[in-house]
Amino acid sequence: MIRNIGRDKWKHFFVGIVMGMVLQSCGWFLFPNNTVLSTVAAFIVVVIISYGFELFSKYTGKGHYELNDAIASAIGGVSGMGILLMIQLNTSV
């Protein structure tokens, strides 16, 4: 199953991990005392950025529009957010 995923999708996934980590960190900075709000805000921004780049490609003709790229980025973003969220919850206990 993992072998069937294209190389391009893996790139989007790994970039999504970094994006999720950065946005989760920004959420902690903006909402230091509210983990739920920072996580929800980061998730919304991850989805907007992931799909926004695909829409940009579709309407400008630069690149190619593929919904699976946005899905791979969003999954990577959630994974990156989860990594930092586990670190945050383990250090705050």
C-alpha atoms as a PDB file:
ATOM      1  CA  MET A   1       0.000   0.000   0.000  1.00  0.00           C
ATOM      2  CA  ILE A   2       2.737   2.480   0.905  1.00  0.00           C
ATOM      3  CA  ARG A   3       4.620   1.658  -2.301  1.00  0.00           C
ATOM      4  CA  ASN A   4       1.638   2.837  -4.365  1.00  0.00           C
ATOM      5  CA  ILE A   5       1.927   6.401  -3.078  1.00  0.00           C
ATOM      6  CA  GLY A   6       3.700   8.598  -5.616  1.00  0.00           C
ATOM      7  CA  ARG A   7       6.977  10.353  -4.890  1.00  0.00           C
ATOM      8  CA  ASP A   8       5.314  13.737  -5.313  1.00  0.00           C
ATOM      9  CA  LYS A   9       2.810  12.950  -2.570  1.00  0.00           C
ATOM     10  CA  TRP A  10       5.616  12.062  -0.157  1.00  0.00           C
ATOM     11  CA  LYS A  11       7.176  15.479  -0.777  1.00  0.00           C
ATOM     12  CA  HIS A  12       3.873  17.147   0.077  1.00  0.00           C
ATOM     13  CA  PHE A  13       3.569  14.960   3.184  1.00  0.00           C
ATOM     14  CA  PHE A  14       7.024  15.860   4.512  1.00  0.00           C
ATOM     15  CA  VAL A  15       6.569  19.564   3.773  1.00  0.00           C
ATOM     16  CA  GLY A  16       3.234  19.311   5.586  1.00  0.00           C
ATOM     17  CA  ILE A  17       4.993  17.925   8.673  1.00  0.00           C
ATOM     18  CA  VAL A  18       7.256  20.970   8.829  1.00  0.00           C
ATOM     19  CA  MET A  19       4.319  23.291   8.137  1.00  0.00           C
ATOM     20  CA  GLY A  20       2.295  21.702  10.949  1.00  0.00           C
ATOM     21  CA  MET A  21       5.172  22.035  13.392  1.00  0.00           C
ATOM     22  CA  VAL A  22       5.727  25.686  12.531  1.00  0.00           C
ATOM     23  CA  LEU A  23       2.043  26.541  12.752  1.00  0.00           C
ATOM     24  CA  GLN A  24       1.595  24.662  16.028  1.00  0.00           C
ATOM     25  CA  SER A  25       4.548  26.604  17.438  1.00  0.00           C
ATOM     26  CA  CYS A  26       2.980  29.860  16.293  1.00  0.00           C
ATOM     27  CA  GLY A  27      -0.273  28.799  17.923  1.00  0.00           C
ATOM     28  CA  TRP A  28       1.521  28.254  21.225  1.00  0.00           C
ATOM     29  CA  PHE A  29       3.025  31.712  20.916  1.00  0.00           C
ATOM     30  CA  LEU A  30      -0.327  33.367  20.142  1.00  0.00           C
ATOM     31  CA  PHE A  31      -2.401  31.366  22.645  1.00  0.00           C
ATOM     32  CA  PRO A  32       0.042  30.251  25.363  1.00  0.00           C
ATOM     33  CA  ASN A  33      -2.562  29.186  27.918  1.00  0.00           C
ATOM     34  CA  ASN A  34      -5.048  27.491  25.596  1.00  0.00           C
ATOM     35  CA  THR A  35      -3.805  24.286  23.966  1.00  0.00           C
ATOM     36  CA  VAL A  36      -7.138  23.481  22.319  1.00  0.00           C
ATOM     37  CA  LEU A  37      -7.465  26.886  20.676  1.00  0.00           C
ATOM     38  CA  SER A  38      -3.881  26.858  19.423  1.00  0.00           C
ATOM     39  CA  THR A  39      -4.338  23.369  17.966  1.00  0.00           C
ATOM     40  CA  VAL A  40      -7.640  24.185  16.254  1.00  0.00           C
ATOM     41  CA  ALA A  41      -6.218  27.412  14.830  1.00  0.00           C
ATOM     42  CA  ALA A  42      -3.139  25.610  13.516  1.00  0.00           C
ATOM     43  CA  PHE A  43      -5.296  22.878  11.960  1.00  0.00           C
ATOM     44  CA  ILE A  44      -7.503  25.402  10.163  1.00  0.00           C
ATOM     45  CA  VAL A  45      -4.469  27.224   8.787  1.00  0.00           C
ATOM     46  CA  VAL A  46      -2.880  23.914   7.667  1.00  0.00           C
ATOM     47  CA  VAL A  47      -6.013  23.014   5.693  1.00  0.00           C
ATOM     48  CA  ILE A  48      -6.317  26.509   4.205  1.00  0.00           C
ATOM     49  CA  ILE A  49      -2.681  26.576   3.100  1.00  0.00           C
ATOM     50  CA  SER A  50      -2.745  23.019   1.744  1.00  0.00           C
ATOM     51  CA  TYR A  51      -5.843  23.509  -0.362  1.00  0.00           C
ATOM     52  CA  GLY A  52      -5.065  27.156  -1.121  1.00  0.00           C
ATOM     53  CA  PHE A  53      -1.898  26.254  -3.012  1.00  0.00           C
ATOM     54  CA  GLU A  54      -3.849  23.762  -5.100  1.00  0.00           C
ATOM     55  CA  LEU A  55      -6.497  26.355  -5.896  1.00  0.00           C
ATOM     56  CA  PHE A  56      -3.754  28.813  -6.809  1.00  0.00           C
ATOM     57  CA  SER A  57      -2.335  26.234  -9.230  1.00  0.00           C
ATOM     58  CA  LYS A  58      -5.755  25.594 -10.728  1.00  0.00           C
ATOM     59  CA  TYR A  59      -6.686  29.202 -11.378  1.00  0.00           C
ATOM     60  CA  THR A  60      -3.310  30.616 -12.399  1.00  0.00           C
ATOM     61  CA  GLY A  61      -2.165  27.667 -14.496  1.00  0.00           C
ATOM     62  CA  LYS A  62       1.161  27.549 -12.650  1.00  0.00           C
ATOM     63  CA  GLY A  63       1.707  23.964 -11.626  1.00  0.00           C
ATOM     64  CA  HIS A  64      -1.036  21.371 -11.726  1.00  0.00           C
ATOM     65  CA  TYR A  65      -4.147  21.023  -9.611  1.00  0.00           C
ATOM     66  CA  GLU A  66      -4.444  17.738  -7.762  1.00  0.00           C
ATOM     67  CA  LEU A  67      -6.589  17.270  -4.692  1.00  0.00           C
ATOM     68  CA  ASN A  68      -4.424  14.381  -3.451  1.00  0.00           C
ATOM     69  CA  ASP A  69      -1.504  16.803  -3.045  1.00  0.00           C
ATOM     70  CA  ALA A  70      -3.606  18.908  -0.681  1.00  0.00           C
ATOM     71  CA  ILE A  71      -4.689  15.807   1.218  1.00  0.00           C
ATOM     72  CA  ALA A  72      -1.075  14.637   1.591  1.00  0.00           C
ATOM     73  CA  SER A  73      -0.046  18.094   2.854  1.00  0.00           C
ATOM     74  CA  ALA A  74      -2.903  18.199   5.339  1.00  0.00           C
ATOM     75  CA  ILE A  75      -2.107  14.716   6.667  1.00  0.00           C
ATOM     76  CA  GLY A  76       1.529  15.717   7.049  1.00  0.00           C
ATOM     77  CA  GLY A  77       0.501  18.935   8.764  1.00  0.00           C
ATOM     78  CA  VAL A  78      -1.642  17.089  11.270  1.00  0.00           C
ATOM     79  CA  SER A  79       1.227  14.666  11.878  1.00  0.00           C
ATOM     80  CA  GLY A  80       3.627  17.542  12.555  1.00  0.00           C
ATOM     81  CA  MET A  81       1.126  19.166  14.878  1.00  0.00           C
ATOM     82  CA  GLY A  82       0.706  15.861  16.690  1.00  0.00           C
ATOM     83  CA  ILE A  83       4.438  15.471  17.199  1.00  0.00           C
ATOM     84  CA  LEU A  84       4.730  18.882  18.839  1.00  0.00           C
ATOM     85  CA  LEU A  85       1.509  18.397  20.768  1.00  0.00           C
ATOM     86  CA  MET A  86       2.843  15.181  22.302  1.00  0.00           C
ATOM     87  CA  ILE A  87       6.048  16.993  23.256  1.00  0.00           C
ATOM     88  CA  GLN A  88       4.083  19.846  24.800  1.00  0.00           C
ATOM     89  CA  LEU A  89       1.785  17.564  26.781  1.00  0.00           C
ATOM     90  CA  ASN A  90       4.680  15.436  28.048  1.00  0.00           C
ATOM     91  CA  THR A  91       6.676  18.430  29.260  1.00  0.00           C
ATOM     92  CA  SER A  92       3.721  20.152  30.931  1.00  0.00           C
ATOM     93  CA  VAL A  93       2.831  17.174  33.139  1.00  0.00           C
END
